[in-house]
């Protein structure tokens, strides 16, 4: 296993909330509940399940941050392409912020160049994640408290690298919410 940088470890010690277990399709011995969870993730990634996921995200947001949620920026880890990012996160981010009173960070993060999807190129995952060209509105994120969202967390590298970038601009990343956590064993 590759050595994990200290900056990544630091981010992984923060609040991590996952809503369901996600079993990749190569894990075949799953039951109906696991298949339903997988479908929810796929539907979210395709922009079809954003309302239900926004409702659940808002519920967790309120539970963890209470009245302080108005002081938090909600920012999603960008998808692999600008097109997928808009499909997946534009309406979703707006809805979560509408439900919680948080500030929407979506318009302050722009994909300048697409990257290959990580699940298609697992062996070079670290390099691919670090090469995506993203432009941040640095002034917007300076001195802000930020809650990060991503659809699926596996090892946490995308989340941690994104959080580290935000903190380099002076943001304080509170942690991350994730629709699913990749699991490889059915218990």
Protein backbone atom coordinates (compact mmCIF):
# COMPACT_ATOMS: atom_id res chain seq x y z
CA UNK A 1 0.00 0.00 0.00
CA UNK A 2 1.26 3.47 -0.84
CA UNK A 3 2.40 5.75 1.93
CA UNK A 4 -0.23 8.35 2.83
CA UNK A 5 1.02 11.91 3.23
CA UNK A 6 0.61 13.59 6.62
CA UNK A 7 -1.58 16.32 5.10
CA UNK A 8 -3.97 13.64 3.83
CA UNK A 9 -3.99 11.88 7.21
CA UNK A 10 -4.84 15.19 8.88
CA UNK A 11 -7.93 15.64 6.72
CA UNK A 12 -9.05 12.07 7.39
CA UNK A 13 -9.10 12.70 11.16
CA UNK A 14 -11.84 15.32 10.71
CA UNK A 15 -15.59 14.71 10.67
CA UNK A 16 -16.42 12.07 8.05
CA UNK A 17 -20.09 11.20 7.55
CA UNK A 18 -21.19 8.57 5.06
CA UNK A 19 -24.83 7.83 4.27
CA UNK A 20 -24.57 4.32 2.80
CA UNK A 21 -22.19 1.56 1.80
CA UNK A 22 -21.25 1.49 -1.86
CA UNK A 23 -20.23 -1.83 -3.41
CA UNK A 24 -18.51 -1.55 -6.80
CA UNK A 25 -20.07 -3.68 -9.51
CA UNK A 26 -17.12 -6.09 -9.39
CA UNK A 27 -18.38 -7.16 -5.94
CA UNK A 28 -20.99 -9.66 -7.04
CA UNK A 29 -22.19 -11.36 -3.85
CA UNK A 30 -24.35 -8.44 -2.71
CA UNK A 31 -28.00 -8.50 -1.69
CA UNK A 32 -30.90 -6.34 -2.76
CA UNK A 33 -30.19 -3.63 -0.17
CA UNK A 34 -26.62 -3.27 -1.44
CA UNK A 35 -27.83 -3.18 -5.05
CA UNK A 36 -30.31 -0.44 -4.13
CA UNK A 37 -27.53 1.58 -2.48
CA UNK A 38 -25.37 1.14 -5.58
CA UNK A 39 -28.24 2.35 -7.76
CA UNK A 40 -28.75 5.43 -5.57
CA UNK A 41 -25.09 6.37 -6.08
CA UNK A 42 -25.34 5.81 -9.84
CA UNK A 43 -28.55 7.82 -10.06
CA UNK A 44 -26.98 10.65 -8.06
CA UNK A 45 -23.94 10.68 -10.32
CA UNK A 46 -26.30 10.97 -13.30
CA UNK A 47 -28.21 13.87 -11.72
CA UNK A 48 -31.42 11.91 -11.12
CA UNK A 49 -31.29 11.44 -7.34
CA UNK A 50 -30.23 14.91 -6.23
CA UNK A 51 -33.39 15.84 -4.29
CA UNK A 52 -33.37 12.81 -1.97
CA UNK A 53 -29.63 13.10 -1.40
CA UNK A 54 -29.99 16.85 -0.76
CA UNK A 55 -32.67 16.16 1.84
CA UNK A 56 -30.48 13.60 3.61
CA UNK A 57 -27.44 15.86 3.40
CA UNK A 58 -29.42 18.74 4.90
CA UNK A 59 -30.62 16.51 7.73
CA UNK A 60 -27.05 15.50 8.62
CA UNK A 61 -25.90 19.10 8.18
CA UNK A 62 -28.46 20.29 10.73
CA UNK A 63 -27.63 17.47 13.17
CA UNK A 64 -23.90 18.19 13.12
CA UNK A 65 -23.85 21.98 12.89
CA UNK A 66 -27.18 23.19 14.28
CA UNK A 67 -27.56 26.97 14.17
CA UNK A 68 -23.95 27.41 13.03
CA UNK A 69 -24.74 26.10 9.54
CA UNK A 70 -25.38 29.63 8.22
CA UNK A 71 -21.67 30.34 8.75
CA UNK A 72 -20.53 27.38 6.62
CA UNK A 73 -19.70 27.14 2.92
CA UNK A 74 -20.85 23.92 1.24
CA UNK A 75 -18.35 22.81 -1.43
CA UNK A 76 -18.38 19.67 -3.58
CA UNK A 77 -15.27 17.86 -4.78
CA UNK A 78 -15.45 18.38 -8.55
CA UNK A 79 -16.36 15.49 -10.82
CA UNK A 80 -13.97 14.40 -13.56
CA UNK A 81 -15.40 16.72 -16.22
CA UNK A 82 -17.11 20.11 -16.20
CA UNK A 83 -20.19 18.53 -17.77
CA UNK A 84 -20.44 15.79 -15.12
CA UNK A 85 -19.73 18.32 -12.39
CA UNK A 86 -22.65 20.51 -13.42
CA UNK A 87 -24.99 17.55 -13.85
CA UNK A 88 -24.06 16.10 -10.47
CA UNK A 89 -23.57 19.12 -8.24
CA UNK A 90 -25.12 22.36 -9.52
CA UNK A 91 -28.76 21.73 -8.55
CA UNK A 92 -27.73 19.55 -5.63
CA UNK A 93 -25.51 22.23 -4.04
CA UNK A 94 -28.16 24.89 -4.51
CA UNK A 95 -30.80 22.67 -2.90
CA UNK A 96 -28.63 21.73 0.10
CA UNK A 97 -27.91 25.41 0.71
CA UNK A 98 -31.59 26.30 0.32
CA UNK A 99 -32.49 23.67 2.94
CA UNK A 100 -29.72 24.55 5.40
CA UNK A 101 -28.96 28.23 4.99
CA UNK A 102 -25.32 27.41 4.20
CA UNK A 103 -23.42 29.36 1.56
CA UNK A 104 -23.10 27.65 -1.81
CA UNK A 105 -19.48 27.22 -2.93
CA UNK A 106 -20.37 25.69 -6.32
CA UNK A 107 -19.95 28.87 -8.39
CA UNK A 108 -16.53 29.51 -6.80
CA UNK A 109 -14.88 26.33 -8.12
CA UNK A 110 -14.28 25.81 -11.84
CA UNK A 111 -12.86 22.88 -13.78
CA UNK A 112 -10.33 24.16 -16.31
CA UNK A 113 -9.32 20.75 -17.68
CA UNK A 114 -11.00 17.37 -17.39
CA UNK A 115 -9.27 14.36 -15.88
CA UNK A 116 -9.64 10.66 -16.39
CA UNK A 117 -11.98 8.94 -13.98
CA UNK A 118 -10.12 7.23 -11.20
CA UNK A 119 -12.06 3.97 -11.31
CA UNK A 120 -10.83 3.50 -14.88
CA UNK A 121 -7.19 4.02 -13.85
CA UNK A 122 -6.76 2.75 -10.29
CA UNK A 123 -3.00 2.17 -10.49
CA UNK A 124 -2.25 5.84 -11.07
CA UNK A 125 -4.99 7.20 -8.80
CA UNK A 126 -2.78 9.62 -6.87
CA UNK A 127 -1.29 11.15 -9.98
CA UNK A 128 -4.64 11.54 -11.72
CA UNK A 129 -6.23 13.22 -8.73
CA UNK A 130 -3.41 15.72 -8.46
CA UNK A 131 -3.41 16.68 -12.14
CA UNK A 132 -6.98 17.92 -12.51
CA UNK A 133 -6.93 21.63 -13.26
CA UNK A 134 -9.32 23.40 -10.92
CA UNK A 135 -9.60 27.13 -10.45
CA UNK A 136 -10.76 28.32 -7.05
CA UNK A 137 -12.01 31.76 -6.09
CA UNK A 138 -9.28 32.07 -3.46
CA UNK A 139 -10.64 35.29 -1.98
CA UNK A 140 -14.07 33.72 -1.53
CA UNK A 141 -12.71 30.76 0.46
CA UNK A 142 -10.27 32.76 2.60
CA UNK A 143 -11.27 32.66 6.29
CA UNK A 144 -14.38 30.56 5.60
CA UNK A 145 -15.50 27.39 7.36
CA UNK A 146 -16.14 24.77 4.69
CA UNK A 147 -17.99 21.47 4.66
CA UNK A 148 -16.90 19.28 1.75
CA UNK A 149 -19.18 16.84 -0.07
CA UNK A 150 -18.31 14.03 -2.46
CA UNK A 151 -20.40 11.22 -3.85
CA UNK A 152 -18.18 8.30 -2.81
CA UNK A 153 -15.18 8.02 -0.51
CA UNK A 154 -12.82 5.09 -0.89
CA UNK A 155 -9.39 5.93 0.49
CA UNK A 156 -10.18 9.60 0.92
CA UNK A 157 -7.51 11.01 -1.38
CA UNK A 158 -9.82 13.18 -3.50
CA UNK A 159 -11.46 14.64 -0.43
CA UNK A 160 -8.17 15.22 1.40
CA UNK A 161 -6.41 16.81 -1.56
CA UNK A 162 -9.40 19.08 -2.20
CA UNK A 163 -9.58 20.03 1.49
CA UNK A 164 -5.85 20.77 1.54
CA UNK A 165 -6.26 23.09 -1.46
CA UNK A 166 -9.04 24.97 0.31
CA UNK A 167 -6.97 25.31 3.45
CA UNK A 168 -4.06 26.65 1.42
CA UNK A 169 -6.33 29.63 0.66
CA UNK A 170 -7.09 30.16 4.35
CA UNK A 171 -10.30 28.14 4.64
CA UNK A 172 -11.01 25.90 7.62
CA UNK A 173 -12.33 22.55 6.40
CA UNK A 174 -14.66 21.09 9.03
CA UNK A 175 -14.88 17.66 7.43
CA UNK A 176 -16.71 15.81 4.70
CA UNK A 177 -20.08 14.28 3.92
CA UNK A 178 -20.23 11.40 1.45
CA UNK A 179 -23.19 9.69 -0.15
CA UNK A 180 -21.36 6.36 -0.06
CA UNK A 181 -18.28 4.68 1.36
CA UNK A 182 -16.73 2.05 -0.88
CA UNK A 183 -16.87 -1.37 0.67
CA UNK A 184 -15.40 -4.56 -0.74
CA UNK A 185 -16.72 -7.10 1.74
CA UNK A 186 -20.34 -7.94 2.31
CA UNK A 187 -21.01 -8.73 5.96
